[in-house]
């Protein structure tokens, strides 16, 4: 299913298509005129009015419009905005980057072509070189009818045809593809004896810097028509990096594939990709556009590379983390690495910005080391050893991963609990992230158990999440943060991990909804595995001696918490104590007799204990 419609025909349009091709996200690519291209998107051409856009999007299930059209395509921007408003779908605008040029000596800005034309006709400039494109020839007709005005246009059949239709003399037309070559434009301006240059505010991709440079070298004016104000689109990006980040983020919402969960890649895989790109840059003098990483189980994947800098002995770059559909705080964030060549043999791992440092025993990495787990270290080491042999380079390496937002992101993870300070951990066992996988979550729980035990904690408090923990804090104020561990829905596995770690005193707390599921014998309380069973709750009420009408009411409940108006807690503690006892018995069989176990049922205003 194709969910994206791109309006292109520009440098930004091409970059958008290349990114979408790279991440294998299908799309329609719309241009005003038919174009020949190697892009993988489905091409459509012709002017689209709002009604046509709306019809096309509804017919084809389009969920996102990407406006990568020229900034001066004013009517198209308006049409896109109007269609999106009626369709109630978002627009992502890929805007050009613009350098600051408002205060340069030879540069003057105009609000419109009409204002520019009026100023030219009042001036004494007789020889003009216009770099505004073929579309502006009719707009500037009053100028070229009274002055010598050369127009540089794209060297394409379509542009030459449009120029011919304007009736301007062919001697004033210069078919020539623009570039950032200052000398080329300088020679053209000298050849035409230009007294002034004209341009649109075309931004970095419109080679504005070269126009300014020629204006300064020849000491002639550069008059620029300001870019028009665009509609207030939902999202705006100015680079390939920002575009890729936004697309990954949108994959979790409007671009989510119905009935399918996407896998992602670990932070360790991301750093490995960055390391490989840095090595290639140091060996060949330039960064590759992308690099391929071999995962531990033999699978291959590629990452788009965003260079940071390169010198003789070191280089740095970033990639964008794709966490798939897993709830990953680093999804869509930059993860990078600096690689330095050294005279010492071997590979040394250093702590970069946003990478945590291990401060407590119990993790797979020694205290004092950067939080880079064994599997990522192995992946990086193997990649560097392979490349060093391939390029015949006898050198040592310093590997310094970094995550620009790592310190802030770490506060949303369990890192502070397990003694990793200053940033996130570079983790991964398979190189891939399985969405909502129990394996990944259990790995985190296991690390927390290990840190708690190795820090001297013989007692832990297991809760389903932060809310439950907060309600219990005062009861266990004597325990450190490392003793509080969240298990989500994995009650049974978490108890088993605590026992395996050698923790002798286990407290486990649940609110009523999950507690009812556990009391019935369900050690994984996730709703995809087990639903609330009102008949079971009604059975407990019957066993406790409640009248049939009360039992009948309970048997018709839709959610567990709806029982409180029927059986208020303070008047019915025996009922809730029975639920707690059943939970205790279900869990206690998972541990040896010498373990001390206490179950806590969290209720409004009170707790019920079973031990």
Protein backbone atom coordinates (compact mmCIF):
# COMPACT_ATOMS: atom_id res chain seq x y z
CA UNK A 1 0.00 0.00 0.00
CA UNK A 2 1.32 3.44 -0.98
CA UNK A 3 0.62 5.99 1.76
CA UNK A 4 2.77 8.97 0.65
CA UNK A 5 2.33 11.51 -2.15
CA UNK A 6 5.44 13.60 -2.88
CA UNK A 7 5.30 16.85 -4.84
CA UNK A 8 8.79 17.14 -6.31
CA UNK A 9 10.60 18.29 -9.42
CA UNK A 10 13.32 19.96 -7.32
CA UNK A 11 16.58 19.05 -5.61
CA UNK A 12 14.58 18.56 -2.40
CA UNK A 13 12.11 16.35 -4.25
CA UNK A 14 14.91 14.14 -5.51
CA UNK A 15 16.44 13.91 -2.03
CA UNK A 16 13.04 12.99 -0.59
CA UNK A 17 12.62 10.21 -3.14
CA UNK A 18 16.13 8.89 -2.48
CA UNK A 19 15.46 8.68 1.27
CA UNK A 20 12.11 6.95 0.70
CA UNK A 21 13.76 4.51 -1.71
CA UNK A 22 16.48 3.79 0.84
CA UNK A 23 14.07 2.95 3.67
CA UNK A 24 11.83 1.06 1.21
CA UNK A 25 8.79 3.24 1.83
CA UNK A 26 6.61 3.29 -1.34
CA UNK A 27 5.35 6.63 -2.65
CA UNK A 28 3.80 8.53 -5.53
CA UNK A 29 6.03 11.21 -7.08
CA UNK A 30 4.17 14.11 -8.68
CA UNK A 31 5.69 16.69 -11.03
CA UNK A 32 4.10 19.34 -13.23
CA UNK A 33 5.80 17.99 -16.35
CA UNK A 34 6.69 14.41 -17.19
CA UNK A 35 10.22 13.54 -16.09
CA UNK A 36 12.61 10.67 -16.75
CA UNK A 37 14.05 9.35 -13.51
CA UNK A 38 15.54 6.25 -11.92
CA UNK A 39 13.50 6.75 -8.75
CA UNK A 40 11.48 3.79 -7.47
CA UNK A 41 8.32 5.80 -6.73
CA UNK A 42 5.24 5.65 -8.92
CA UNK A 43 5.45 8.71 -11.20
CA UNK A 44 2.50 10.96 -11.98
CA UNK A 45 2.58 14.25 -13.89
CA UNK A 46 0.36 17.21 -14.61
CA UNK A 47 -1.13 20.10 -12.67
CA UNK A 48 -3.31 18.95 -9.76
CA UNK A 49 -6.00 21.26 -8.42
CA UNK A 50 -7.23 20.71 -4.83
CA UNK A 51 -10.24 18.66 -5.98
CA UNK A 52 -7.99 16.36 -8.02
CA UNK A 53 -5.57 15.96 -5.11
CA UNK A 54 -8.44 15.07 -2.78
CA UNK A 55 -9.88 12.53 -5.21
CA UNK A 56 -6.46 10.95 -5.84
CA UNK A 57 -5.62 10.66 -2.14
CA UNK A 58 -8.98 9.15 -1.20
CA UNK A 59 -8.86 6.67 -4.05
CA UNK A 60 -5.30 5.54 -3.24
CA UNK A 61 -5.34 5.70 0.57
CA UNK A 62 -2.71 8.44 0.84
CA UNK A 63 -2.02 9.39 4.48
CA UNK A 64 0.83 11.91 4.11
CA UNK A 65 1.62 14.69 1.64
CA UNK A 66 5.25 15.76 1.26
CA UNK A 67 5.65 19.21 -0.27
CA UNK A 68 9.17 19.32 -1.73
CA UNK A 69 8.20 21.70 -4.54
CA UNK A 70 10.03 24.91 -5.41
CA UNK A 71 9.55 27.66 -2.80
CA UNK A 72 8.15 29.96 -5.52
CA UNK A 73 5.47 27.45 -6.59
CA UNK A 74 2.97 29.55 -4.64
CA UNK A 75 -0.25 28.17 -6.11
CA UNK A 76 0.88 24.57 -5.66
CA UNK A 77 1.62 25.17 -1.97
CA UNK A 78 -1.86 26.65 -1.54
CA UNK A 79 -3.45 23.70 -3.35
CA UNK A 80 -1.59 21.19 -1.18
CA UNK A 81 -2.63 22.99 2.00
CA UNK A 82 -6.28 23.22 0.95
CA UNK A 83 -6.44 19.54 -0.04
CA UNK A 84 -4.77 18.44 3.20
CA UNK A 85 -7.21 20.47 5.28
CA UNK A 86 -10.20 18.83 3.63
CA UNK A 87 -8.65 15.36 3.78
CA UNK A 88 -7.54 15.92 7.39
CA UNK A 89 -4.10 14.48 6.66
CA UNK A 90 -0.75 16.12 7.50
CA UNK A 91 1.72 17.84 5.19
CA UNK A 92 5.48 17.54 5.62
CA UNK A 93 7.32 20.45 4.00
CA UNK A 94 10.92 19.86 2.86
CA UNK A 95 12.14 23.44 2.86
CA UNK A 96 15.45 24.62 1.48
CA UNK A 97 18.26 25.77 3.70
CA UNK A 98 18.93 29.50 3.49
CA UNK A 99 22.13 31.30 4.38
CA UNK A 100 21.96 34.70 6.02
CA UNK A 101 22.42 37.31 3.28
CA UNK A 102 20.11 40.14 4.34
CA UNK A 103 22.93 42.45 5.45
CA UNK A 104 25.53 41.91 2.72
CA UNK A 105 26.80 45.06 1.05
CA UNK A 106 25.80 44.39 -2.57
CA UNK A 107 22.60 42.47 -1.84
CA UNK A 108 19.12 44.02 -1.98
CA UNK A 109 15.87 42.14 -1.33
CA UNK A 110 12.49 42.80 -2.95
CA UNK A 111 9.08 41.56 -1.83
CA UNK A 112 7.87 40.78 -5.36
CA UNK A 113 8.81 40.74 -9.03
CA UNK A 114 6.64 43.81 -9.54
CA UNK A 115 8.71 45.71 -6.99
CA UNK A 116 11.93 44.44 -8.60
CA UNK A 117 10.75 45.46 -12.08
CA UNK A 118 9.85 48.96 -10.93
CA UNK A 119 13.28 49.42 -9.34
CA UNK A 120 15.08 48.18 -12.46
CA UNK A 121 13.16 50.52 -14.75
CA UNK A 122 14.08 53.47 -12.52
CA UNK A 123 17.76 52.44 -12.44
CA UNK A 124 20.55 53.09 -14.92
CA UNK A 125 21.44 49.40 -15.34
CA UNK A 126 21.44 48.50 -19.04
CA UNK A 127 23.03 45.04 -19.03
CA UNK A 128 21.33 42.55 -16.72
CA UNK A 129 22.04 38.87 -16.04
CA UNK A 130 18.94 37.19 -14.68
CA UNK A 131 19.40 33.90 -12.80
CA UNK A 132 15.69 33.65 -11.96
CA UNK A 133 14.79 30.84 -14.39
CA UNK A 134 12.61 30.39 -17.46
CA UNK A 135 9.33 30.87 -15.58
CA UNK A 136 10.21 34.51 -14.88
CA UNK A 137 10.81 35.56 -18.50
CA UNK A 138 7.15 36.64 -18.99
CA UNK A 139 7.11 38.23 -15.53
CA UNK A 140 10.11 40.44 -16.39
CA UNK A 141 8.90 41.31 -19.90
CA UNK A 142 8.89 45.06 -19.23
CA UNK A 143 12.55 44.79 -18.30
CA UNK A 144 13.84 42.84 -21.30
CA UNK A 145 11.79 44.92 -23.72
CA UNK A 146 13.66 48.06 -22.64
CA UNK A 147 17.04 46.74 -21.43
CA UNK A 148 19.57 44.10 -22.43
CA UNK A 149 18.56 41.25 -20.14
CA UNK A 150 20.10 37.78 -20.39
CA UNK A 151 18.28 34.81 -18.87
CA UNK A 152 20.14 31.72 -17.74
CA UNK A 153 17.72 28.79 -18.00
CA UNK A 154 17.97 25.04 -17.51
CA UNK A 155 19.49 23.28 -20.48
CA UNK A 156 16.44 21.08 -21.12
CA UNK A 157 14.07 20.75 -24.06
CA UNK A 158 11.13 21.87 -21.92
CA UNK A 159 12.90 25.04 -20.70
CA UNK A 160 13.99 25.98 -24.22
CA UNK A 161 10.42 25.50 -25.48
CA UNK A 162 9.04 27.74 -22.73
CA UNK A 163 11.61 30.42 -23.55
CA UNK A 164 10.62 30.30 -27.22
CA UNK A 165 6.94 30.72 -26.31
CA UNK A 166 7.72 33.98 -24.50
CA UNK A 167 8.82 35.63 -27.82
CA UNK A 168 12.11 36.81 -26.29
CA UNK A 169 15.04 36.78 -28.72
CA UNK A 170 17.11 33.61 -28.52
CA UNK A 171 20.28 35.70 -28.26
CA UNK A 172 19.22 36.66 -24.72
CA UNK A 173 18.75 33.01 -23.66
CA UNK A 174 21.60 31.04 -22.06
CA UNK A 175 20.77 27.31 -21.71
CA UNK A 176 23.07 26.27 -18.90
CA UNK A 177 22.52 24.09 -15.85
CA UNK A 178 23.33 25.96 -12.62
CA UNK A 179 26.00 24.74 -10.23
CA UNK A 180 28.05 25.92 -7.28
CA UNK A 181 31.01 26.65 -9.59
CA UNK A 182 31.85 30.30 -8.84
CA UNK A 183 34.37 30.58 -11.69
CA UNK A 184 31.80 29.38 -14.22
CA UNK A 185 29.26 32.01 -13.18
CA UNK A 186 31.99 34.65 -12.92
CA UNK A 187 33.08 34.05 -16.52
CA UNK A 188 29.46 34.19 -17.70
CA UNK A 189 28.88 37.53 -15.96
CA UNK A 190 32.09 38.95 -17.43
CA UNK A 191 31.28 37.65 -20.91
CA UNK A 192 27.86 39.32 -20.86
CA UNK A 193 29.31 42.48 -19.26
CA UNK A 194 26.63 42.28 -16.60
CA UNK A 195 26.10 45.39 -14.50
CA UNK A 196 23.71 43.63 -12.10
CA UNK A 197 22.64 40.08 -11.19
CA UNK A 198 19.03 39.05 -10.51
CA UNK A 199 17.99 36.01 -8.49
CA UNK A 200 15.20 34.43 -6.53
CA UNK A 201 15.89 33.65 -2.88
CA UNK A 202 16.73 30.12 -3.89
CA UNK A 203 18.62 28.91 -0.84
CA UNK A 204 21.59 26.59 -0.56
CA UNK A 205 20.34 24.14 -3.19
CA UNK A 206 19.80 27.10 -5.55
CA UNK A 207 23.53 27.91 -5.25
CA UNK A 208 22.93 31.30 -3.66
CA UNK A 209 26.46 31.32 -2.20
CA UNK A 210 28.06 31.30 -5.67
CA UNK A 211 25.84 34.20 -6.80
CA UNK A 212 26.85 36.24 -3.76
CA UNK A 213 30.53 35.42 -4.37
CA UNK A 214 30.36 36.63 -8.00
CA UNK A 215 28.55 39.80 -6.93
CA UNK A 216 31.30 40.53 -4.42
CA UNK A 217 34.18 39.74 -6.80
CA UNK A 218 32.79 41.94 -9.58
CA UNK A 219 31.47 44.51 -7.10
CA UNK A 220 28.08 44.61 -8.82
CA UNK A 221 24.64 44.51 -7.19
CA UNK A 222 22.72 41.29 -6.59
CA UNK A 223 18.98 41.92 -6.42
CA UNK A 224 16.92 39.11 -4.92
CA UNK A 225 13.18 38.48 -4.84
CA UNK A 226 12.24 37.16 -1.39
CA UNK A 227 10.78 33.70 -1.13
CA UNK A 228 7.01 33.71 -0.53
CA UNK A 229 5.49 32.90 2.84
CA UNK A 230 4.27 29.29 2.91
CA UNK A 231 1.10 27.94 4.53
CA UNK A 232 1.39 26.67 8.08
CA UNK A 233 2.17 23.01 7.34
CA UNK A 234 2.21 20.31 10.04
CA UNK A 235 5.90 19.44 9.79
CA UNK A 236 8.90 21.22 8.33
CA UNK A 237 12.39 19.84 7.68
CA UNK A 238 15.47 21.43 6.12
CA UNK A 239 17.82 18.51 5.51
CA UNK A 240 17.96 14.83 4.63
CA UNK A 241 18.78 14.04 8.26
CA UNK A 242 15.69 15.84 9.56
CA UNK A 243 13.57 14.22 6.84
CA UNK A 244 14.71 10.70 7.76
CA UNK A 245 14.11 11.39 11.45
CA UNK A 246 10.58 12.65 10.77
CA UNK A 247 9.72 9.71 8.51
CA UNK A 248 10.85 7.20 11.15
CA UNK A 249 8.74 9.00 13.75
CA UNK A 250 5.69 9.06 11.46
CA UNK A 251 6.05 5.32 10.89
CA UNK A 252 4.81 4.89 14.45
CA UNK A 253 1.58 6.77 13.71
CA UNK A 254 0.11 7.69 10.33
CA UNK A 255 2.54 5.50 8.35
CA UNK A 256 2.07 2.43 10.54
CA UNK A 257 1.25 -0.64 8.48
CA UNK A 258 -2.05 -2.14 9.57
CA UNK A 259 -1.64 -5.54 11.20
CA UNK A 260 2.16 -5.46 10.97
CA UNK A 261 4.91 -4.63 13.45
CA UNK A 262 8.21 -3.41 12.02
CA UNK A 263 11.47 -4.62 13.52
CA UNK A 264 14.25 -2.11 14.15
CA UNK A 265 17.95 -2.06 14.94
CA UNK A 266 19.84 -1.72 18.20
CA UNK A 267 22.04 1.17 19.23
CA UNK A 268 25.00 -1.22 18.89
CA UNK A 269 24.20 -1.80 15.23
CA UNK A 270 23.93 1.96 14.70
CA UNK A 271 27.36 2.62 16.21
CA UNK A 272 28.87 -0.20 14.14
CA UNK A 273 27.53 1.43 10.96
CA UNK A 274 29.01 4.79 11.99
CA UNK A 275 32.37 3.17 12.81
CA UNK A 276 32.54 1.51 9.39
CA UNK A 277 31.72 4.78 7.63
CA UNK A 278 34.42 6.61 9.61
CA UNK A 279 37.02 3.96 8.71
CA UNK A 280 36.15 4.19 5.00
CA UNK A 281 36.33 7.99 5.18
CA UNK A 282 39.81 7.84 6.74
CA UNK A 283 40.98 5.23 4.22
CA UNK A 284 39.49 6.81 1.09
CA UNK A 285 39.25 10.49 1.99
CA UNK A 286 35.45 10.76 1.81
CA UNK A 287 32.44 9.32 3.61
CA UNK A 288 30.29 6.74 1.83
CA UNK A 289 26.62 7.60 1.34
CA UNK A 290 25.65 4.46 3.25
CA UNK A 291 27.26 1.48 4.95
CA UNK A 292 26.28 -2.15 5.38
CA UNK A 293 26.42 -3.92 8.73
CA UNK A 294 26.50 -7.67 9.31
CA UNK A 295 24.34 -8.68 12.27
CA UNK A 296 25.38 -11.49 14.65
CA UNK A 297 22.98 -13.97 13.01
CA UNK A 298 24.24 -13.24 9.48
CA UNK A 299 21.60 -10.75 8.31
CA UNK A 300 22.72 -7.59 6.48
CA UNK A 301 21.31 -4.09 6.84
CA UNK A 302 22.28 -0.63 5.56
CA UNK A 303 22.41 2.81 7.19
CA UNK A 304 22.38 6.26 5.58
CA UNK A 305 25.48 8.17 6.71
CA UNK A 306 25.52 11.80 7.85
CA UNK A 307 29.15 13.06 7.98
CA UNK A 308 30.24 15.31 10.84
CA UNK A 309 33.92 15.93 10.09
CA UNK A 310 37.13 14.27 8.90
CA UNK A 311 40.82 14.95 9.54
CA UNK A 312 44.00 13.02 8.83
CA UNK A 313 43.71 10.73 11.86
CA UNK A 314 40.08 10.92 12.97
CA UNK A 315 36.55 11.14 11.61
CA UNK A 316 33.01 11.35 12.97
CA UNK A 317 29.55 10.74 11.56
CA UNK A 318 26.03 9.86 12.66
CA UNK A 319 23.17 7.62 11.61
CA UNK A 320 19.48 7.80 12.52
CA UNK A 321 18.21 5.10 14.86
CA UNK A 322 15.31 3.07 13.51
CA UNK A 323 13.76 1.29 16.47
CA UNK A 324 10.89 -0.11 14.42
CA UNK A 325 7.58 -0.31 16.28
CA UNK A 326 9.25 -0.97 19.63
CA UNK A 327 8.67 1.73 22.29
CA UNK A 328 12.27 2.95 22.08
CA UNK A 329 13.32 6.38 23.43
CA UNK A 330 16.18 6.55 20.91
CA UNK A 331 13.92 5.91 17.89
CA UNK A 332 14.48 8.62 15.28
CA UNK A 333 17.47 10.05 17.19
CA UNK A 334 21.05 10.57 16.07
CA UNK A 335 23.61 7.99 17.14
CA UNK A 336 27.18 8.53 16.05
CA UNK A 337 30.80 7.68 16.58
CA UNK A 338 34.21 9.30 16.40
CA UNK A 339 36.96 6.97 15.20
CA UNK A 340 40.60 7.84 15.79
CA UNK A 341 43.67 6.05 14.42
CA UNK A 342 46.36 5.42 17.06
CA UNK A 343 49.89 4.03 17.25
CA UNK A 344 48.88 1.56 19.98
CA UNK A 345 47.66 -1.89 18.99
CA UNK A 346 44.10 -2.94 19.68
CA UNK A 347 40.81 -1.14 20.09
CA UNK A 348 40.00 1.17 22.97
CA UNK A 349 36.41 2.20 23.74
CA UNK A 350 35.85 5.72 25.11
CA UNK A 351 32.83 7.54 26.51
CA UNK A 352 31.44 10.15 24.13
CA UNK A 353 28.74 12.77 24.67
CA UNK A 354 25.45 11.23 25.79
CA UNK A 355 26.95 7.79 26.52
CA UNK A 356 26.62 6.54 30.09
CA UNK A 357 29.35 5.32 32.40
CA UNK A 358 28.95 2.19 34.56
CA UNK A 359 29.17 3.02 38.29
CA UNK A 360 27.72 -0.11 39.94
CA UNK A 361 28.73 -3.78 39.69
CA UNK A 362 26.42 -6.37 38.18
CA UNK A 363 26.27 -5.29 34.55
CA UNK A 364 28.14 -6.96 31.70
CA UNK A 365 30.61 -4.06 31.62
CA UNK A 366 33.17 -3.26 34.33
CA UNK A 367 32.68 -0.31 36.67
CA UNK A 368 34.27 2.84 35.22
CA UNK A 369 33.86 1.73 31.61
CA UNK A 370 31.56 3.42 29.07
CA UNK A 371 28.22 1.60 28.89
CA UNK A 372 28.91 -0.28 25.67
CA UNK A 373 27.76 -3.87 26.02
CA UNK A 374 29.79 -6.94 24.93
CA UNK A 375 27.90 -7.73 21.70
CA UNK A 376 28.24 -4.19 20.25
CA UNK A 377 31.93 -4.21 21.24
CA UNK A 378 32.35 -7.51 19.41
CA UNK A 379 30.48 -6.25 16.32
CA UNK A 380 32.61 -3.08 16.20
CA UNK A 381 35.84 -5.00 16.78
CA UNK A 382 35.10 -7.52 14.02
CA UNK A 383 34.13 -4.73 11.60
CA UNK A 384 37.37 -2.81 12.25
CA UNK A 385 39.56 -5.92 12.04
CA UNK A 386 37.95 -6.90 8.73
CA UNK A 387 38.35 -3.40 7.25
CA UNK A 388 41.94 -3.04 8.51
CA UNK A 389 42.88 -6.30 6.79
CA UNK A 390 41.04 -5.33 3.59
CA UNK A 391 42.74 -1.92 3.41
CA UNK A 392 46.09 -3.27 4.72
CA UNK A 393 46.21 -0.74 7.55
CA UNK A 394 48.35 -1.58 10.58
CA UNK A 395 46.93 0.70 13.25
CA UNK A 396 45.10 0.83 16.55
CA UNK A 397 41.75 2.52 17.11
CA UNK A 398 39.93 4.66 19.64
CA UNK A 399 36.17 4.25 19.33
CA UNK A 400 34.09 7.00 20.95
CA UNK A 401 30.33 6.58 20.41
CA UNK A 402 28.13 9.60 21.06
CA UNK A 403 24.43 10.42 21.21
CA UNK A 404 23.72 14.19 21.06
CA UNK A 405 20.52 13.87 23.14
CA UNK A 406 21.74 10.90 25.16
CA UNK A 407 21.90 12.52 28.59
CA UNK A 408 18.28 13.71 28.40
CA UNK A 409 17.05 10.44 26.85
CA UNK A 410 18.68 8.37 29.60
CA UNK A 411 16.29 9.89 32.15
CA UNK A 412 13.47 8.06 30.36
CA UNK A 413 15.23 4.69 30.74
CA UNK A 414 16.21 2.37 33.60
CA UNK A 415 19.85 3.52 33.38
CA UNK A 416 19.77 5.64 36.57
CA UNK A 417 18.41 2.58 38.44
CA UNK A 418 21.26 0.32 37.35
CA UNK A 419 24.04 2.81 38.00
CA UNK A 420 24.67 3.98 34.43
CA UNK A 421 25.16 7.75 34.65
CA UNK A 422 25.60 10.49 32.09
CA UNK A 423 23.75 8.99 29.14
CA UNK A 424 22.31 5.93 27.44
CA UNK A 425 23.82 2.48 26.97
CA UNK A 426 24.95 1.05 23.65
CA UNK A 427 23.19 -2.30 23.74
CA UNK A 428 22.05 -5.22 21.62
CA UNK A 429 22.41 -8.98 21.45
CA UNK A 430 21.08 -9.82 17.99
CA UNK A 431 21.57 -6.41 16.36
CA UNK A 432 17.82 -6.14 15.77
CA UNK A 433 14.97 -4.83 17.90
CA UNK A 434 11.85 -6.97 17.90
CA UNK A 435 8.81 -4.76 18.55
CA UNK A 436 7.34 -5.21 22.00
CA UNK A 437 9.49 -8.30 22.51
CA UNK A 438 9.51 -9.98 25.92
CA UNK A 439 13.11 -10.96 25.25
CA UNK A 440 14.34 -7.36 25.28
CA UNK A 441 12.28 -6.43 28.33
CA UNK A 442 13.41 -9.50 30.28
CA UNK A 443 17.01 -8.65 29.44
CA UNK A 444 16.51 -5.24 31.08
CA UNK A 445 14.90 -6.84 34.15
CA UNK A 446 17.79 -9.30 34.40
CA UNK A 447 20.34 -6.45 34.37
CA UNK A 448 18.41 -4.63 37.10
CA UNK A 449 18.30 -7.76 39.26
CA UNK A 450 22.04 -8.23 38.80
CA UNK A 451 22.83 -4.63 39.75
CA UNK A 452 20.57 -4.80 42.81
CA UNK A 453 22.17 -8.05 44.01
CA UNK A 454 25.76 -6.96 43.34
CA UNK A 455 25.07 -3.68 45.14
CA UNK A 456 24.23 -5.61 48.30
CA UNK A 457 20.42 -5.67 48.01
CA UNK A 458 18.95 -8.92 49.31
CA UNK A 459 15.42 -7.52 48.99
CA UNK A 460 13.62 -6.19 45.91
CA UNK A 461 10.22 -4.63 45.22
CA UNK A 462 8.66 -5.76 41.94
CA UNK A 463 5.91 -3.56 40.49
CA UNK A 464 4.22 -3.35 37.11
CA UNK A 465 5.27 0.28 36.60
CA UNK A 466 6.08 3.70 38.01
CA UNK A 467 2.58 4.42 39.32
CA UNK A 468 2.58 1.26 41.44
CA UNK A 469 6.09 1.98 42.64
CA UNK A 470 5.19 5.50 43.75
CA UNK A 471 2.34 4.18 45.89
CA UNK A 472 4.72 1.79 47.66
CA UNK A 473 7.73 4.04 48.19
CA UNK A 474 6.84 5.02 51.75
CA UNK A 475 6.46 1.34 52.75
CA UNK A 476 10.00 0.57 51.58
CA UNK A 477 11.79 3.84 52.20
CA UNK A 478 14.77 1.92 53.60
CA UNK A 479 15.57 0.42 50.18
CA UNK A 480 17.73 2.12 47.49
CA UNK A 481 16.41 2.95 44.01
CA UNK A 482 18.11 -0.12 42.55
CA UNK A 483 15.78 -2.37 44.59
CA UNK A 484 12.65 -1.16 42.75
CA UNK A 485 12.17 -3.08 39.50
CA UNK A 486 9.33 -2.82 36.96
CA UNK A 487 8.09 -6.01 35.28
CA UNK A 488 5.24 -4.70 33.10
CA UNK A 489 3.14 -7.84 32.68
CA UNK A 490 5.86 -10.49 33.08
CA UNK A 491 5.10 -11.53 36.66
CA UNK A 492 6.26 -15.13 36.51
CA UNK A 493 9.46 -14.52 34.56
CA UNK A 494 10.44 -11.66 36.88
CA UNK A 495 9.97 -13.76 40.00
CA UNK A 496 12.07 -16.54 38.44
CA UNK A 497 14.84 -14.07 37.54
CA UNK A 498 14.92 -12.76 41.11
CA UNK A 499 15.27 -16.31 42.43
CA UNK A 500 17.99 -17.16 39.89
CA UNK A 501 19.92 -14.05 40.90
CA UNK A 502 19.94 -15.20 44.52
CA UNK A 503 17.67 -12.50 45.94
CA UNK A 504 16.12 -13.94 49.09
CA UNK A 505 13.34 -11.45 49.88
CA UNK A 506 10.85 -10.60 47.14
CA UNK A 507 7.95 -8.14 47.38
CA UNK A 508 5.51 -8.06 44.46
CA UNK A 509 2.75 -5.46 44.10
CA UNK A 510 -0.18 -5.16 41.69
CA UNK A 511 -3.29 -3.08 41.28
CA UNK A 512 -6.61 -4.88 41.14
CA UNK A 513 -6.93 -5.35 37.35
CA UNK A 514 -3.68 -7.28 36.93
CA UNK A 515 -4.07 -8.92 40.35
CA UNK A 516 -7.34 -10.61 39.32
CA UNK A 517 -5.59 -12.08 36.25
CA UNK A 518 -2.67 -13.29 38.39
CA UNK A 519 -4.99 -14.76 41.03
CA UNK A 520 -6.56 -16.90 38.30
CA UNK A 521 -3.12 -18.34 37.52
CA UNK A 522 -1.95 -16.10 34.65
CA UNK A 523 1.74 -15.28 35.10
CA UNK A 524 1.73 -12.94 32.07
CA UNK A 525 -1.06 -10.40 32.54
CA UNK A 526 -0.85 -8.72 29.12
CA UNK A 527 -4.28 -8.13 27.58
CA UNK A 528 -3.22 -9.87 24.37
CA UNK A 529 -2.80 -13.08 26.40
CA UNK A 530 -5.59 -12.90 28.96
CA UNK A 531 -8.75 -10.83 29.39
CA UNK A 532 -10.50 -9.82 32.60
CA UNK A 533 -12.72 -12.72 33.70
CA UNK A 534 -15.71 -11.46 35.74
CA UNK A 535 -16.87 -15.04 36.34
CA UNK A 536 -13.66 -15.75 38.28
CA UNK A 537 -14.18 -12.66 40.44
CA UNK A 538 -17.81 -13.67 41.00
CA UNK A 539 -16.61 -17.13 42.09
CA UNK A 540 -14.36 -15.55 44.75
CA UNK A 541 -17.32 -13.50 45.99
CA UNK A 542 -19.43 -16.64 46.19
CA UNK A 543 -16.69 -18.46 48.12
CA UNK A 544 -16.59 -15.52 50.54
CA UNK A 545 -20.32 -15.95 51.24
CA UNK A 546 -21.82 -12.97 49.42
CA UNK A 547 -25.50 -13.05 48.44
CA UNK A 548 -26.46 -14.24 44.98
CA UNK A 549 -27.54 -10.78 43.78
CA UNK A 550 -24.07 -9.39 44.61
CA UNK A 551 -22.39 -12.34 42.92
CA UNK A 552 -24.61 -11.82 39.87
CA UNK A 553 -23.68 -8.12 39.64
CA UNK A 554 -19.98 -8.96 39.82
CA UNK A 555 -20.36 -11.58 37.09
CA UNK A 556 -21.60 -8.89 34.69
CA UNK A 557 -18.70 -6.45 35.18
CA UNK A 558 -16.70 -5.26 32.16
CA UNK A 559 -13.61 -4.13 34.09
CA UNK A 560 -12.21 -5.10 37.48
CA UNK A 561 -12.26 -1.60 38.99
CA UNK A 562 -16.04 -1.43 38.52
CA UNK A 563 -16.36 -3.70 41.57
CA UNK A 564 -15.54 -0.93 44.07
CA UNK A 565 -19.06 0.62 44.14
CA UNK A 566 -20.45 -2.89 44.71
CA UNK A 567 -17.87 -3.94 47.32
CA UNK A 568 -16.26 -0.85 48.89
CA UNK A 569 -12.78 -1.66 50.16
CA UNK A 570 -13.11 -0.65 53.82
CA UNK A 571 -16.24 -2.78 54.39
CA UNK A 572 -15.03 -5.78 52.39
CA UNK A 573 -11.37 -6.31 53.28
CA UNK A 574 -11.83 -10.09 53.60
CA UNK A 575 -12.81 -10.29 49.91
CA UNK A 576 -9.74 -8.37 48.77
CA UNK A 577 -7.52 -10.34 51.15
CA UNK A 578 -8.68 -13.52 49.42
CA UNK A 579 -7.59 -12.11 46.04
CA UNK A 580 -4.19 -11.24 47.55
CA UNK A 581 -3.84 -14.76 49.02
CA UNK A 582 -4.58 -16.36 45.65
CA UNK A 583 -1.91 -14.15 44.02
CA UNK A 584 0.53 -15.15 46.75
CA UNK A 585 -0.08 -18.86 46.18
CA UNK A 586 0.35 -18.55 42.38
CA UNK A 587 3.75 -16.88 42.79
CA UNK A 588 5.07 -18.76 45.82
CA UNK A 589 5.29 -22.06 43.95
CA UNK A 590 7.92 -20.45 41.68
CA UNK A 591 10.46 -20.07 44.48
CA UNK A 592 12.19 -22.31 47.04
CA UNK A 593 10.93 -22.44 50.63
CA UNK A 594 13.80 -20.36 51.99
CA UNK A 595 12.72 -17.32 49.98
CA UNK A 596 10.72 -14.71 51.85
CA UNK A 597 7.83 -13.58 49.66
CA UNK A 598 5.16 -10.96 50.20
CA UNK A 599 2.36 -9.99 47.83
CA UNK A 600 0.84 -6.49 48.02
CA UNK A 601 -2.57 -5.69 46.53
CA UNK A 602 -2.73 -1.94 45.85
CA UNK A 603 -6.19 -0.51 46.49
CA UNK A 604 -7.52 3.03 46.77
CA UNK A 605 -6.51 4.37 50.17
CA UNK A 606 -4.95 1.15 51.46
CA UNK A 607 -2.81 -1.90 50.72
CA UNK A 608 -3.65 -5.54 51.41
CA UNK A 609 -0.73 -7.87 52.21
CA UNK A 610 -0.41 -11.63 51.85
CA UNK A 611 2.68 -13.42 53.17
